[in-house]
């Protein structure tokens, strides 16, 4: 979890894989449904638009998190492959350089 500050505004960035993030998405969805079911609510269209923007940002966080997870997994696989390839080649070199006499 990261805290970002700018002037008087502090934004809390939550890991999209956390329970807290899922709960936040649930509350966001309920708030949107509430406002959509009550069009007589003062400035409801403005609030719905704002909540939609928040939902879009949340989806972006999920996408970014998934991309980072996939990139990290790919790097781990590449590192493991390089490590195993290096070990195999060093074993082969070790066997070929052994002389019996």
C-alpha atoms as a PDB file:
ATOM      1  CA  UNK A   1       0.000   0.000   0.000  1.00  0.00           C
ATOM      2  CA  UNK A   2       1.387   3.400  -0.965  1.00  0.00           C
ATOM      3  CA  UNK A   3       0.486   6.853   0.230  1.00  0.00           C
ATOM      4  CA  UNK A   4       0.779   9.676  -2.275  1.00  0.00           C
ATOM      5  CA  UNK A   5       0.428  13.262  -1.231  1.00  0.00           C
ATOM      6  CA  UNK A   6      -0.034  16.445  -3.164  1.00  0.00           C
ATOM      7  CA  UNK A   7      -0.943  19.628  -1.325  1.00  0.00           C
ATOM      8  CA  UNK A   8      -3.891  18.898   0.942  1.00  0.00           C
ATOM      9  CA  UNK A   9      -4.893  15.787  -1.008  1.00  0.00           C
ATOM     10  CA  UNK A  10      -3.703  12.365   0.115  1.00  0.00           C
ATOM     11  CA  UNK A  11      -4.499   9.357  -2.050  1.00  0.00           C
ATOM     12  CA  UNK A  12      -4.305   5.828  -0.762  1.00  0.00           C
ATOM     13  CA  UNK A  13      -3.259   3.324  -3.450  1.00  0.00           C
ATOM     14  CA  UNK A  14      -4.557  -0.156  -2.672  1.00  0.00           C
ATOM     15  CA  UNK A  15      -3.297  -3.408  -4.170  1.00  0.00           C
ATOM     16  CA  UNK A  16      -5.972  -4.517  -6.691  1.00  0.00           C
ATOM     17  CA  UNK A  17      -5.601  -8.120  -5.506  1.00  0.00           C
ATOM     18  CA  UNK A  18      -6.558  -7.274  -1.915  1.00  0.00           C
ATOM     19  CA  UNK A  19      -9.870  -7.832  -0.149  1.00  0.00           C
ATOM     20  CA  UNK A  20      -9.962  -4.116   0.621  1.00  0.00           C
ATOM     21  CA  UNK A  21      -9.918  -3.312  -3.100  1.00  0.00           C
ATOM     22  CA  UNK A  22     -12.745  -5.771  -3.820  1.00  0.00           C
ATOM     23  CA  UNK A  23     -14.802  -4.270  -1.008  1.00  0.00           C
ATOM     24  CA  UNK A  24     -14.151  -0.806  -2.433  1.00  0.00           C
ATOM     25  CA  UNK A  25     -15.395  -1.936  -5.873  1.00  0.00           C
ATOM     26  CA  UNK A  26     -18.522  -3.348  -4.232  1.00  0.00           C
ATOM     27  CA  UNK A  27     -19.249  -0.056  -2.472  1.00  0.00           C
ATOM     28  CA  UNK A  28     -18.619   1.835  -5.698  1.00  0.00           C
ATOM     29  CA  UNK A  29     -21.088  -0.369  -7.556  1.00  0.00           C
ATOM     30  CA  UNK A  30     -23.737   0.007  -4.848  1.00  0.00           C
ATOM     31  CA  UNK A  31     -23.338   3.788  -4.867  1.00  0.00           C
ATOM     32  CA  UNK A  32     -23.781   3.886  -8.653  1.00  0.00           C
ATOM     33  CA  UNK A  33     -26.910   1.696  -8.471  1.00  0.00           C
ATOM     34  CA  UNK A  34     -28.310   3.863  -5.692  1.00  0.00           C
ATOM     35  CA  UNK A  35     -27.883   7.033  -7.725  1.00  0.00           C
ATOM     36  CA  UNK A  36     -29.180   5.427 -10.934  1.00  0.00           C
ATOM     37  CA  UNK A  37     -32.332   4.287  -9.141  1.00  0.00           C
ATOM     38  CA  UNK A  38     -32.958   7.794  -7.783  1.00  0.00           C
ATOM     39  CA  UNK A  39     -32.751  10.261 -10.687  1.00  0.00           C
ATOM     40  CA  UNK A  40     -34.352  12.938  -8.507  1.00  0.00           C
ATOM     41  CA  UNK A  41     -31.242  13.007  -6.293  1.00  0.00           C
ATOM     42  CA  UNK A  42     -29.588  16.446  -6.618  1.00  0.00           C
ATOM     43  CA  UNK A  43     -26.667  16.334  -9.106  1.00  0.00           C
ATOM     44  CA  UNK A  44     -27.014  12.548  -9.481  1.00  0.00           C
ATOM     45  CA  UNK A  45     -25.726  12.620 -13.070  1.00  0.00           C
ATOM     46  CA  UNK A  46     -22.571  14.406 -11.944  1.00  0.00           C
ATOM     47  CA  UNK A  47     -21.993  11.893  -9.147  1.00  0.00           C
ATOM     48  CA  UNK A  48     -22.668   8.954 -11.470  1.00  0.00           C
ATOM     49  CA  UNK A  49     -20.095  10.346 -13.907  1.00  0.00           C
ATOM     50  CA  UNK A  50     -17.570  10.759 -11.091  1.00  0.00           C
ATOM     51  CA  UNK A  51     -18.197   7.198  -9.860  1.00  0.00           C
ATOM     52  CA  UNK A  52     -17.838   5.901 -13.415  1.00  0.00           C
ATOM     53  CA  UNK A  53     -14.424   7.612 -13.624  1.00  0.00           C
ATOM     54  CA  UNK A  54     -13.411   5.944 -10.359  1.00  0.00           C
ATOM     55  CA  UNK A  55     -14.559   2.591 -11.708  1.00  0.00           C
ATOM     56  CA  UNK A  56     -12.494   3.137 -14.862  1.00  0.00           C
ATOM     57  CA  UNK A  57      -9.417   3.993 -12.782  1.00  0.00           C
ATOM     58  CA  UNK A  58      -9.963   0.862 -10.704  1.00  0.00           C
ATOM     59  CA  UNK A  59     -10.126  -1.239 -13.881  1.00  0.00           C
ATOM     60  CA  UNK A  60      -6.872   0.384 -15.020  1.00  0.00           C
ATOM     61  CA  UNK A  61      -5.227  -0.540 -11.718  1.00  0.00           C
ATOM     62  CA  UNK A  62      -6.362  -4.145 -12.133  1.00  0.00           C
ATOM     63  CA  UNK A  63      -5.010  -4.242 -15.684  1.00  0.00           C
ATOM     64  CA  UNK A  64      -1.696  -2.709 -14.641  1.00  0.00           C
ATOM     65  CA  UNK A  65      -1.398  -5.133 -11.745  1.00  0.00           C
ATOM     66  CA  UNK A  66      -2.062  -8.102 -14.034  1.00  0.00           C
ATOM     67  CA  UNK A  67       0.521  -6.855 -16.546  1.00  0.00           C
ATOM     68  CA  UNK A  68       3.120  -6.458 -13.781  1.00  0.00           C
ATOM     69  CA  UNK A  69       2.313  -9.931 -12.475  1.00  0.00           C
ATOM     70  CA  UNK A  70       2.698 -11.456 -15.949  1.00  0.00           C
ATOM     71  CA  UNK A  71       5.940  -9.563 -16.614  1.00  0.00           C
ATOM     72  CA  UNK A  72       7.324 -10.695 -13.276  1.00  0.00           C
ATOM     73  CA  UNK A  73       6.377 -14.325 -13.974  1.00  0.00           C
ATOM     74  CA  UNK A  74       7.948 -14.144 -17.454  1.00  0.00           C
ATOM     75  CA  UNK A  75      11.170 -12.707 -16.003  1.00  0.00           C
ATOM     76  CA  UNK A  76      11.298 -15.457 -13.375  1.00  0.00           C
ATOM     77  CA  UNK A  77      10.883 -18.097 -16.096  1.00  0.00           C
ATOM     78  CA  UNK A  78      13.581 -16.497 -18.249  1.00  0.00           C
ATOM     79  CA  UNK A  79      15.973 -16.244 -15.304  1.00  0.00           C
ATOM     80  CA  UNK A  80      15.344 -19.892 -14.401  1.00  0.00           C
ATOM     81  CA  UNK A  81      15.889 -20.973 -18.022  1.00  0.00           C
ATOM     82  CA  UNK A  82      19.161 -19.026 -18.239  1.00  0.00           C
ATOM     83  CA  UNK A  83      20.321 -20.468 -14.932  1.00  0.00           C
ATOM     84  CA  UNK A  84      19.533 -24.039 -16.021  1.00  0.00           C
ATOM     85  CA  UNK A  85      21.122 -23.495 -19.459  1.00  0.00           C
ATOM     86  CA  UNK A  86      24.276 -22.115 -17.850  1.00  0.00           C
ATOM     87  CA  UNK A  87      24.471 -25.044 -15.462  1.00  0.00           C
ATOM     88  CA  UNK A  88      24.018 -27.575 -18.305  1.00  0.00           C
ATOM     89  CA  UNK A  89      26.661 -25.937 -20.480  1.00  0.00           C
ATOM     90  CA  UNK A  90      29.141 -25.744 -17.592  1.00  0.00           C
ATOM     91  CA  UNK A  91      28.580 -29.466 -16.860  1.00  0.00           C
ATOM     92  CA  UNK A  92      29.177 -30.358 -20.515  1.00  0.00           C
ATOM     93  CA  UNK A  93      32.350 -28.272 -20.572  1.00  0.00           C
ATOM     94  CA  UNK A  94      33.492 -29.902 -17.353  1.00  0.00           C
ATOM     95  CA  UNK A  95      33.043 -33.417 -18.818  1.00  0.00           C
ATOM     96  CA  UNK A  96      34.736 -32.616 -22.129  1.00  0.00           C
ATOM     97  CA  UNK A  97      37.814 -31.101 -20.497  1.00  0.00           C
ATOM     98  CA  UNK A  98      38.506 -34.133 -18.287  1.00  0.00           C
ATOM     99  CA  UNK A  99      41.502 -36.076 -19.475  1.00  0.00           C
ATOM    100  CA  UNK A 100      42.226 -39.550 -18.289  1.00  0.00           C
ATOM    101  CA  UNK A 101      45.986 -39.420 -18.993  1.00  0.00           C
END
